[in-house]
Amino acid sequence: IAGHRMWIVDPLDGTASFLFRFPPQLVSVLVALYDCDAKHVTVAVEVFPVQKRALYAVRGGGSFCNGQRV
């Protein structure tokens, strides 16, 4: 289907860290938007709730951490 997109959600990225009780700073939530026609991720966000940090990237627009370009 033209214009078809898919959301990818990993509600507990860092599952191994969580299961083996590594520091909680490593646990995060990841959400990405995949363009099925172009076959690539167009935007992705990863949140580290313990660290109060958010990383995001936009294809062709750069990467950011808490609003600051990285």
PDB file of N, CA and C in Angstrom:
ATOM      1  N   ILE A   1       0.853  -1.178   0.000  1.00  0.00           N
ATOM      2  CA  ILE A   1       0.000   0.000   0.000  1.00  0.00           C
ATOM      3  C   ILE A   1       0.898   1.240   0.000  1.00  0.00           C
ATOM      4  N   ALA A   2       0.700   2.116  -0.949  1.00  0.00           N
ATOM      5  CA  ALA A   2       1.497   3.340  -1.034  1.00  0.00           C
ATOM      6  C   ALA A   2       1.276   4.194   0.212  1.00  0.00           C
ATOM      7  N   GLY A   3       2.346   4.772   0.708  1.00  0.00           N
ATOM      8  CA  GLY A   3       2.251   5.614   1.890  1.00  0.00           C
ATOM      9  C   GLY A   3       2.101   4.844   3.191  1.00  0.00           C
ATOM     10  N   HIS A   4       2.372   3.555   3.164  1.00  0.00           N
ATOM     11  CA  HIS A   4       2.206   2.702   4.341  1.00  0.00           C
ATOM     12  C   HIS A   4       3.358   2.915   5.323  1.00  0.00           C
ATOM     13  N   ARG A   5       2.995   3.160   6.566  1.00  0.00           N
ATOM     14  CA  ARG A   5       3.992   3.343   7.623  1.00  0.00           C
ATOM     15  C   ARG A   5       3.664   2.416   8.781  1.00  0.00           C
ATOM     16  N   MET A   6       4.668   2.123   9.573  1.00  0.00           N
ATOM     17  CA  MET A   6       4.491   1.211  10.696  1.00  0.00           C
ATOM     18  C   MET A   6       5.207   1.796  11.919  1.00  0.00           C
ATOM     19  N   TRP A   7       4.505   1.804  13.056  1.00  0.00           N
ATOM     20  CA  TRP A   7       5.120   2.217  14.318  1.00  0.00           C
ATOM     21  C   TRP A   7       5.815   1.016  14.936  1.00  0.00           C
ATOM     22  N   ILE A   8       7.006   1.229  15.419  1.00  0.00           N
ATOM     23  CA  ILE A   8       7.761   0.198  16.127  1.00  0.00           C
ATOM     24  C   ILE A   8       7.893   0.689  17.567  1.00  0.00           C
ATOM     25  N   VAL A   9       7.437  -0.112  18.503  1.00  0.00           N
ATOM     26  CA  VAL A   9       7.485   0.277  19.908  1.00  0.00           C
ATOM     27  C   VAL A   9       8.177  -0.832  20.692  1.00  0.00           C
ATOM     28  N   ASP A  10       9.225  -0.472  21.392  1.00  0.00           N
ATOM     29  CA  ASP A  10       9.895  -1.392  22.301  1.00  0.00           C
ATOM     30  C   ASP A  10       9.692  -0.800  23.692  1.00  0.00           C
ATOM     31  N   PRO A  11       8.669  -1.267  24.418  1.00  0.00           N
ATOM     32  CA  PRO A  11       8.318  -0.636  25.688  1.00  0.00           C
ATOM     33  C   PRO A  11       9.355  -0.794  26.794  1.00  0.00           C
ATOM     34  N   LEU A  12      10.259  -1.727  26.636  1.00  0.00           N
ATOM     35  CA  LEU A  12      11.290  -1.899  27.656  1.00  0.00           C
ATOM     36  C   LEU A  12      12.592  -2.266  26.957  1.00  0.00           C
ATOM     37  N   ASP A  13      13.129  -1.312  26.202  1.00  0.00           N
ATOM     38  CA  ASP A  13      14.418  -1.521  25.569  1.00  0.00           C
ATOM     39  C   ASP A  13      15.437  -1.618  26.699  1.00  0.00           C
ATOM     40  N   GLY A  14      16.293  -2.584  26.641  1.00  0.00           N
ATOM     41  CA  GLY A  14      17.201  -2.837  27.745  1.00  0.00           C
ATOM     42  C   GLY A  14      16.659  -3.947  28.623  1.00  0.00           C
ATOM     43  N   THR A  15      15.890  -4.846  28.030  1.00  0.00           N
ATOM     44  CA  THR A  15      15.267  -5.927  28.792  1.00  0.00           C
ATOM     45  C   THR A  15      16.303  -6.757  29.547  1.00  0.00           C
ATOM     46  N   ALA A  16      17.421  -7.070  28.897  1.00  0.00           N
ATOM     47  CA  ALA A  16      18.460  -7.862  29.564  1.00  0.00           C
ATOM     48  C   ALA A  16      18.985  -7.123  30.793  1.00  0.00           C
ATOM     49  N   SER A  17      19.180  -5.817  30.662  1.00  0.00           N
ATOM     50  CA  SER A  17      19.638  -5.017  31.808  1.00  0.00           C
ATOM     51  C   SER A  17      18.616  -5.087  32.936  1.00  0.00           C
ATOM     52  N   PHE A  18      17.350  -4.994  32.582  1.00  0.00           N
ATOM     53  CA  PHE A  18      16.269  -5.059  33.573  1.00  0.00           C
ATOM     54  C   PHE A  18      16.241  -6.434  34.245  1.00  0.00           C
ATOM     55  N   LEU A  19      16.280  -7.489  33.449  1.00  0.00           N
ATOM     56  CA  LEU A  19      16.187  -8.848  33.993  1.00  0.00           C
ATOM     57  C   LEU A  19      17.364  -9.213  34.888  1.00  0.00           C
ATOM     58  N   PHE A  20      18.566  -8.766  34.503  1.00  0.00           N
ATOM     59  CA  PHE A  20      19.763  -9.120  35.269  1.00  0.00           C
ATOM     60  C   PHE A  20      20.138  -8.042  36.285  1.00  0.00           C
ATOM     61  N   ARG A  21      19.218  -7.098  36.498  1.00  0.00           N
ATOM     62  CA  ARG A  21      19.347  -6.057  37.517  1.00  0.00           C
ATOM     63  C   ARG A  21      20.612  -5.205  37.382  1.00  0.00           C
ATOM     64  N   PHE A  22      20.931  -4.876  36.131  1.00  0.00           N
ATOM     65  CA  PHE A  22      21.991  -3.905  35.897  1.00  0.00           C
ATOM     66  C   PHE A  22      21.440  -2.539  36.280  1.00  0.00           C
ATOM     67  N   PRO A  23      22.275  -1.520  36.341  1.00  0.00           N
ATOM     68  CA  PRO A  23      21.795  -0.198  36.747  1.00  0.00           C
ATOM     69  C   PRO A  23      20.557   0.238  35.955  1.00  0.00           C
ATOM     70  N   PRO A  24      19.575   0.824  36.623  1.00  0.00           N
ATOM     71  CA  PRO A  24      18.328   1.198  35.950  1.00  0.00           C
ATOM     72  C   PRO A  24      18.504   2.290  34.901  1.00  0.00           C
ATOM     73  N   GLN A  25      19.638   2.983  34.894  1.00  0.00           N
ATOM     74  CA  GLN A  25      19.885   4.018  33.901  1.00  0.00           C
ATOM     75  C   GLN A  25      19.868   3.452  32.485  1.00  0.00           C
ATOM     76  N   LEU A  26      20.090   2.150  32.365  1.00  0.00           N
ATOM     77  CA  LEU A  26      20.171   1.534  31.046  1.00  0.00           C
ATOM     78  C   LEU A  26      18.803   1.176  30.476  1.00  0.00           C
ATOM     79  N   VAL A  27      17.761   1.246  31.271  1.00  0.00           N
ATOM     80  CA  VAL A  27      16.418   0.897  30.811  1.00  0.00           C
ATOM     81  C   VAL A  27      15.820   2.094  30.072  1.00  0.00           C
ATOM     82  N   SER A  28      15.205   1.829  28.914  1.00  0.00           N
ATOM     83  CA  SER A  28      14.635   2.912  28.121  1.00  0.00           C
ATOM     84  C   SER A  28      13.398   2.439  27.368  1.00  0.00           C
ATOM     85  N   VAL A  29      12.706   3.379  26.769  1.00  0.00           N
ATOM     86  CA  VAL A  29      11.548   3.106  25.917  1.00  0.00           C
ATOM     87  C   VAL A  29      11.881   3.660  24.537  1.00  0.00           C
ATOM     88  N   LEU A  30      11.642   2.865  23.502  1.00  0.00           N
ATOM     89  CA  LEU A  30      11.974   3.264  22.144  1.00  0.00           C
ATOM     90  C   LEU A  30      10.727   3.245  21.274  1.00  0.00           C
ATOM     91  N   VAL A  31      10.545   4.309  20.486  1.00  0.00           N
ATOM     92  CA  VAL A  31       9.454   4.385  19.506  1.00  0.00           C
ATOM     93  C   VAL A  31      10.064   4.880  18.198  1.00  0.00           C
ATOM     94  N   ALA A  32       9.725   4.205  17.098  1.00  0.00           N
ATOM     95  CA  ALA A  32      10.239   4.603  15.790  1.00  0.00           C
ATOM     96  C   ALA A  32       9.121   4.510  14.755  1.00  0.00           C
ATOM     97  N   LEU A  33       9.203   5.347  13.735  1.00  0.00           N
ATOM     98  CA  LEU A  33       8.260   5.317  12.625  1.00  0.00           C
ATOM     99  C   LEU A  33       8.994   4.804  11.397  1.00  0.00           C
ATOM    100  N   TYR A  34       8.532   3.676  10.879  1.00  0.00           N
ATOM    101  CA  TYR A  34       9.167   3.016   9.728  1.00  0.00           C
ATOM    102  C   TYR A  34       8.342   3.269   8.476  1.00  0.00           C
ATOM    103  N   ASP A  35       8.983   3.754   7.428  1.00  0.00           N
ATOM    104  CA  ASP A  35       8.331   3.973   6.133  1.00  0.00           C
ATOM    105  C   ASP A  35       8.486   2.694   5.321  1.00  0.00           C
ATOM    106  N   CYS A  36       7.409   1.971   5.143  1.00  0.00           N
ATOM    107  CA  CYS A  36       7.454   0.674   4.457  1.00  0.00           C
ATOM    108  C   CYS A  36       7.797   0.811   2.977  1.00  0.00           C
ATOM    109  N   ASP A  37       7.405   1.922   2.345  1.00  0.00           N
ATOM    110  CA  ASP A  37       7.725   2.125   0.934  1.00  0.00           C
ATOM    111  C   ASP A  37       9.217   2.375   0.736  1.00  0.00           C
ATOM    112  N   ALA A  38       9.782   3.249   1.543  1.00  0.00           N
ATOM    113  CA  ALA A  38      11.202   3.604   1.432  1.00  0.00           C
ATOM    114  C   ALA A  38      12.103   2.589   2.125  1.00  0.00           C
ATOM    115  N   LYS A  39      11.506   1.761   2.973  1.00  0.00           N
ATOM    116  CA  LYS A  39      12.235   0.726   3.723  1.00  0.00           C
ATOM    117  C   LYS A  39      13.299   1.312   4.657  1.00  0.00           C
ATOM    118  N   HIS A  40      12.901   2.338   5.405  1.00  0.00           N
ATOM    119  CA  HIS A  40      13.802   2.883   6.420  1.00  0.00           C
ATOM    120  C   HIS A  40      12.997   3.593   7.506  1.00  0.00           C
ATOM    121  N   VAL A  41      13.641   3.788   8.653  1.00  0.00           N
ATOM    122  CA  VAL A  41      13.047   4.526   9.769  1.00  0.00           C
ATOM    123  C   VAL A  41      13.140   6.016   9.435  1.00  0.00           C
ATOM    124  N   THR A  42      12.039   6.738   9.640  1.00  0.00           N
ATOM    125  CA  THR A  42      12.040   8.182   9.353  1.00  0.00           C
ATOM    126  C   THR A  42      12.260   9.025  10.600  1.00  0.00           C
ATOM    127  N   VAL A  43      11.808   8.531  11.739  1.00  0.00           N
ATOM    128  CA  VAL A  43      12.004   9.245  12.995  1.00  0.00           C
ATOM    129  C   VAL A  43      12.045   8.218  14.135  1.00  0.00           C
ATOM    130  N   ALA A  44      12.878   8.481  15.129  1.00  0.00           N
ATOM    131  CA  ALA A  44      12.981   7.577  16.280  1.00  0.00           C
ATOM    132  C   ALA A  44      13.195   8.393  17.550  1.00  0.00           C
ATOM    133  N   VAL A  45      12.601   7.914  18.635  1.00  0.00           N
ATOM    134  CA  VAL A  45      12.733   8.566  19.940  1.00  0.00           C
ATOM    135  C   VAL A  45      13.054   7.490  20.970  1.00  0.00           C
ATOM    136  N   GLU A  46      14.036   7.750  21.810  1.00  0.00           N
ATOM    137  CA  GLU A  46      14.362   6.844  22.911  1.00  0.00           C
ATOM    138  C   GLU A  46      14.400   7.671  24.192  1.00  0.00           C
ATOM    139  N   VAL A  47      13.659   7.214  25.194  1.00  0.00           N
ATOM    140  CA  VAL A  47      13.556   7.922  26.468  1.00  0.00           C
ATOM    141  C   VAL A  47      14.177   7.072  27.566  1.00  0.00           C
ATOM    142  N   PHE A  48      15.045   7.690  28.353  1.00  0.00           N
ATOM    143  CA  PHE A  48      15.647   7.061  29.520  1.00  0.00           C
ATOM    144  C   PHE A  48      15.010   7.723  30.743  1.00  0.00           C
ATOM    145  N   PRO A  49      13.920   7.156  31.282  1.00  0.00           N
ATOM    146  CA  PRO A  49      13.175   7.832  32.348  1.00  0.00           C
ATOM    147  C   PRO A  49      13.971   8.079  33.623  1.00  0.00           C
ATOM    148  N   VAL A  50      14.863   7.183  33.989  1.00  0.00           N
ATOM    149  CA  VAL A  50      15.629   7.350  35.223  1.00  0.00           C
ATOM    150  C   VAL A  50      16.580   8.542  35.091  1.00  0.00           C
ATOM    151  N   GLN A  51      17.174   8.688  33.921  1.00  0.00           N
ATOM    152  CA  GLN A  51      18.119   9.779  33.684  1.00  0.00           C
ATOM    153  C   GLN A  51      17.432  11.073  33.249  1.00  0.00           C
ATOM    154  N   LYS A  52      16.125  11.006  33.012  1.00  0.00           N
ATOM    155  CA  LYS A  52      15.376  12.159  32.500  1.00  0.00           C
ATOM    156  C   LYS A  52      16.034  12.695  31.230  1.00  0.00           C
ATOM    157  N   ARG A  53      16.296  11.763  30.308  1.00  0.00           N
ATOM    158  CA  ARG A  53      16.984  12.089  29.061  1.00  0.00           C
ATOM    159  C   ARG A  53      16.188  11.518  27.895  1.00  0.00           C
ATOM    160  N   ALA A  54      16.101  12.279  26.825  1.00  0.00           N
ATOM    161  CA  ALA A  54      15.427  11.815  25.612  1.00  0.00           C
ATOM    162  C   ALA A  54      16.338  12.050  24.417  1.00  0.00           C
ATOM    163  N   LEU A  55      16.479  11.027  23.608  1.00  0.00           N
ATOM    164  CA  LEU A  55      17.245  11.113  22.370  1.00  0.00           C
ATOM    165  C   LEU A  55      16.269  10.964  21.222  1.00  0.00           C
ATOM    166  N   TYR A  56      16.469  11.730  20.160  1.00  0.00           N
ATOM    167  CA  TYR A  56      15.631  11.528  18.988  1.00  0.00           C
ATOM    168  C   TYR A  56      16.403  11.882  17.728  1.00  0.00           C
ATOM    169  N   ALA A  57      15.975  11.307  16.627  1.00  0.00           N
ATOM    170  CA  ALA A  57      16.613  11.538  15.343  1.00  0.00           C
ATOM    171  C   ALA A  57      15.539  11.563  14.264  1.00  0.00           C
ATOM    172  N   VAL A  58      15.752  12.439  13.299  1.00  0.00           N
ATOM    173  CA  VAL A  58      14.865  12.544  12.152  1.00  0.00           C
ATOM    174  C   VAL A  58      15.720  12.314  10.916  1.00  0.00           C
ATOM    175  N   ARG A  59      15.298  11.389  10.071  1.00  0.00           N
ATOM    176  CA  ARG A  59      16.081  11.083   8.869  1.00  0.00           C
ATOM    177  C   ARG A  59      16.296  12.363   8.065  1.00  0.00           C
ATOM    178  N   GLY A  60      17.564  12.691   7.834  1.00  0.00           N
ATOM    179  CA  GLY A  60      17.924  13.895   7.093  1.00  0.00           C
ATOM    180  C   GLY A  60      17.887  15.168   7.923  1.00  0.00           C
ATOM    181  N   GLY A  61      17.552  15.046   9.210  1.00  0.00           N
ATOM    182  CA  GLY A  61      17.428  16.234  10.047  1.00  0.00           C
ATOM    183  C   GLY A  61      18.327  16.246  11.259  1.00  0.00           C
ATOM    184  N   GLY A  62      19.083  15.187  11.485  1.00  0.00           N
ATOM    185  CA  GLY A  62      20.010  15.156  12.599  1.00  0.00           C
ATOM    186  C   GLY A  62      19.504  14.422  13.825  1.00  0.00           C
ATOM    187  N   SER A  63      20.377  14.389  14.824  1.00  0.00           N
ATOM    188  CA  SER A  63      20.100  13.714  16.091  1.00  0.00           C
ATOM    189  C   SER A  63      20.181  14.724  17.233  1.00  0.00           C
ATOM    190  N   PHE A  64      19.364  14.493  18.262  1.00  0.00           N
ATOM    191  CA  PHE A  64      19.278  15.444  19.358  1.00  0.00           C
ATOM    192  C   PHE A  64      19.178  14.708  20.701  1.00  0.00           C
ATOM    193  N   CYS A  65      19.678  15.335  21.743  1.00  0.00           N
ATOM    194  CA  CYS A  65      19.545  14.841  23.112  1.00  0.00           C
ATOM    195  C   CYS A  65      19.005  15.985  23.956  1.00  0.00           C
ATOM    196  N   ASN A  66      17.805  15.793  24.499  1.00  0.00           N
ATOM    197  CA  ASN A  66      17.135  16.842  25.279  1.00  0.00           C
ATOM    198  C   ASN A  66      17.119  18.182  24.544  1.00  0.00           C
ATOM    199  N   GLY A  67      16.876  18.122  23.236  1.00  0.00           N
ATOM    200  CA  GLY A  67      16.748  19.338  22.440  1.00  0.00           C
ATOM    201  C   GLY A  67      18.044  19.899  21.890  1.00  0.00           C
ATOM    202  N   GLN A  68      19.185  19.368  22.311  1.00  0.00           N
ATOM    203  CA  GLN A  68      20.483  19.836  21.831  1.00  0.00           C
ATOM    204  C   GLN A  68      21.009  18.902  20.754  1.00  0.00           C
ATOM    205  N   ARG A  69      21.447  19.464  19.636  1.00  0.00           N
ATOM    206  CA  ARG A  69      21.997  18.665  18.541  1.00  0.00           C
ATOM    207  C   ARG A  69      23.246  17.914  18.995  1.00  0.00           C
ATOM    208  N   VAL A  70      23.329  16.645  18.607  1.00  0.00           N
ATOM    209  CA  VAL A  70      24.523  15.833  18.933  1.00  0.00           C
ATOM    210  C   VAL A  70      25.207  15.376  17.669  1.00  0.00           C
TER     211      VAL A  70
END
